[in-house]
Amino acid sequence: MKTIEIQASIEEKREELIELIRKYGVNHHRVITCSQELDILLYRLMESITCTE
C-alpha cells in the first residue's frame, strides 16, 4: 500500500470511528475493534514513512 493510500484509509477509518463513538460510546466492542484497525493503519503509515527515509 502506498503512503497516500494509507493516509486515505486512515481518514476513512477515523471518520468511521467518530460515528461509532457517537452512536455507541467509547467502550462498545465495535468502537474498540475500529480503533484497533485504525491503530494498524497508523502503524503501517509509520512503517512506510520510516522505510522511505
N, C-alpha and C. Protein backbone atom coordinates (compact mmCIF):
# COMPACT_ATOMS: atom_id res chain seq x y z
N MET A 1 0.84 -1.18 0.00
CA MET A 1 0.00 0.00 0.00
C MET A 1 0.89 1.24 0.00
N LYS A 2 0.58 2.18 -0.85
CA LYS A 2 1.35 3.42 -0.91
C LYS A 2 0.94 4.34 0.24
N THR A 3 1.84 5.25 0.57
CA THR A 3 1.60 6.17 1.68
C THR A 3 0.30 6.95 1.50
N ILE A 4 0.05 7.43 0.31
CA ILE A 4 -1.17 8.22 0.06
C ILE A 4 -2.43 7.37 0.26
N GLU A 5 -2.35 6.10 -0.12
CA GLU A 5 -3.48 5.19 0.07
C GLU A 5 -3.71 4.91 1.56
N ILE A 6 -2.63 4.75 2.28
CA ILE A 6 -2.73 4.52 3.72
C ILE A 6 -3.34 5.75 4.40
N GLN A 7 -2.91 6.93 3.99
CA GLN A 7 -3.46 8.16 4.57
C GLN A 7 -4.96 8.27 4.29
N ALA A 8 -5.39 7.90 3.11
CA ALA A 8 -6.82 7.94 2.77
C ALA A 8 -7.58 6.93 3.62
N SER A 9 -7.01 5.75 3.80
CA SER A 9 -7.65 4.73 4.63
C SER A 9 -7.75 5.17 6.08
N ILE A 10 -6.71 5.85 6.55
CA ILE A 10 -6.73 6.37 7.92
C ILE A 10 -7.85 7.38 8.09
N GLU A 11 -8.00 8.27 7.15
CA GLU A 11 -9.06 9.28 7.24
C GLU A 11 -10.44 8.64 7.25
N GLU A 12 -10.64 7.66 6.39
CA GLU A 12 -11.93 6.96 6.35
C GLU A 12 -12.20 6.23 7.67
N LYS A 13 -11.19 5.55 8.18
CA LYS A 13 -11.35 4.80 9.43
C LYS A 13 -11.58 5.75 10.60
N ARG A 14 -10.92 6.89 10.58
CA ARG A 14 -11.09 7.88 11.65
C ARG A 14 -12.54 8.40 11.67
N GLU A 15 -13.07 8.68 10.48
CA GLU A 15 -14.45 9.15 10.40
C GLU A 15 -15.43 8.07 10.87
N GLU A 16 -15.14 6.82 10.49
CA GLU A 16 -15.97 5.71 10.95
C GLU A 16 -15.93 5.60 12.47
N LEU A 17 -14.75 5.74 13.04
CA LEU A 17 -14.59 5.65 14.49
C LEU A 17 -15.38 6.75 15.19
N ILE A 18 -15.33 7.95 14.69
CA ILE A 18 -16.08 9.06 15.29
C ILE A 18 -17.57 8.76 15.30
N GLU A 19 -18.08 8.26 14.18
CA GLU A 19 -19.50 7.93 14.10
C GLU A 19 -19.88 6.81 15.07
N LEU A 20 -19.04 5.80 15.17
CA LEU A 20 -19.31 4.71 16.10
C LEU A 20 -19.31 5.18 17.54
N ILE A 21 -18.38 6.07 17.87
CA ILE A 21 -18.34 6.61 19.23
C ILE A 21 -19.61 7.39 19.53
N ARG A 22 -20.05 8.18 18.58
CA ARG A 22 -21.30 8.95 18.77
C ARG A 22 -22.49 8.03 18.98
N LYS A 23 -22.50 6.92 18.26
CA LYS A 23 -23.64 6.00 18.30
C LYS A 23 -23.61 5.08 19.52
N TYR A 24 -22.42 4.55 19.87
CA TYR A 24 -22.34 3.51 20.89
C TYR A 24 -21.58 3.89 22.16
N GLY A 25 -20.79 4.96 22.13
CA GLY A 25 -19.95 5.29 23.27
C GLY A 25 -18.58 4.64 23.10
N VAL A 26 -17.66 4.99 23.98
CA VAL A 26 -16.27 4.58 23.78
C VAL A 26 -15.96 3.14 24.16
N ASN A 27 -16.80 2.48 24.94
CA ASN A 27 -16.49 1.14 25.43
C ASN A 27 -17.15 0.02 24.65
N HIS A 28 -17.88 0.32 23.61
CA HIS A 28 -18.56 -0.70 22.82
C HIS A 28 -17.55 -1.50 22.01
N HIS A 29 -17.82 -2.80 21.84
CA HIS A 29 -16.87 -3.66 21.13
C HIS A 29 -16.63 -3.23 19.69
N ARG A 30 -17.64 -2.66 19.03
CA ARG A 30 -17.45 -2.19 17.65
C ARG A 30 -16.48 -1.00 17.62
N VAL A 31 -16.57 -0.14 18.61
CA VAL A 31 -15.67 1.01 18.70
C VAL A 31 -14.24 0.55 18.95
N ILE A 32 -14.08 -0.39 19.85
CA ILE A 32 -12.75 -0.90 20.17
C ILE A 32 -12.12 -1.58 18.96
N THR A 33 -12.90 -2.37 18.24
CA THR A 33 -12.39 -3.03 17.03
C THR A 33 -11.97 -2.01 15.98
N CYS A 34 -12.79 -1.01 15.76
CA CYS A 34 -12.47 0.03 14.79
C CYS A 34 -11.22 0.79 15.20
N SER A 35 -11.08 1.07 16.49
CA SER A 35 -9.90 1.75 16.99
C SER A 35 -8.64 0.92 16.76
N GLN A 36 -8.74 -0.37 16.96
CA GLN A 36 -7.59 -1.26 16.72
C GLN A 36 -7.23 -1.29 15.25
N GLU A 37 -8.24 -1.27 14.38
CA GLU A 37 -7.98 -1.23 12.94
C GLU A 37 -7.29 0.07 12.55
N LEU A 38 -7.70 1.17 13.17
CA LEU A 38 -7.05 2.45 12.93
C LEU A 38 -5.60 2.42 13.41
N ASP A 39 -5.37 1.80 14.56
CA ASP A 39 -4.00 1.65 15.07
C ASP A 39 -3.11 0.93 14.06
N ILE A 40 -3.63 -0.12 13.46
CA ILE A 40 -2.87 -0.89 12.47
C ILE A 40 -2.53 -0.02 11.26
N LEU A 41 -3.49 0.75 10.80
CA LEU A 41 -3.23 1.65 9.67
C LEU A 41 -2.18 2.70 10.02
N LEU A 42 -2.26 3.24 11.22
CA LEU A 42 -1.27 4.23 11.65
C LEU A 42 0.12 3.61 11.73
N TYR A 43 0.19 2.38 12.21
CA TYR A 43 1.47 1.68 12.28
C TYR A 43 2.03 1.47 10.87
N ARG A 44 1.16 1.07 9.93
CA ARG A 44 1.60 0.90 8.54
C ARG A 44 2.12 2.20 7.95
N LEU A 45 1.46 3.31 8.27
CA LEU A 45 1.91 4.61 7.78
C LEU A 45 3.29 4.93 8.34
N MET A 46 3.47 4.71 9.63
CA MET A 46 4.78 4.98 10.24
C MET A 46 5.86 4.10 9.60
N GLU A 47 5.54 2.85 9.34
CA GLU A 47 6.49 1.95 8.69
C GLU A 47 6.85 2.45 7.30
N SER A 48 5.84 2.87 6.54
CA SER A 48 6.10 3.31 5.16
C SER A 48 6.93 4.58 5.13
N ILE A 49 6.70 5.47 6.09
CA ILE A 49 7.48 6.71 6.16
C ILE A 49 8.92 6.40 6.57
N THR A 50 9.07 5.52 7.53
CA THR A 50 10.41 5.15 8.02
C THR A 50 11.21 4.46 6.92
N CYS A 51 10.57 3.62 6.13
CA CYS A 51 11.27 2.88 5.06
C CYS A 51 11.70 3.79 3.92
N THR A 52 11.03 4.91 3.72
CA THR A 52 11.38 5.81 2.62
C THR A 52 12.45 6.83 3.00
N GLU A 53 12.74 6.93 4.28
CA GLU A 53 13.75 7.91 4.73
C GLU A 53 15.14 7.38 4.58
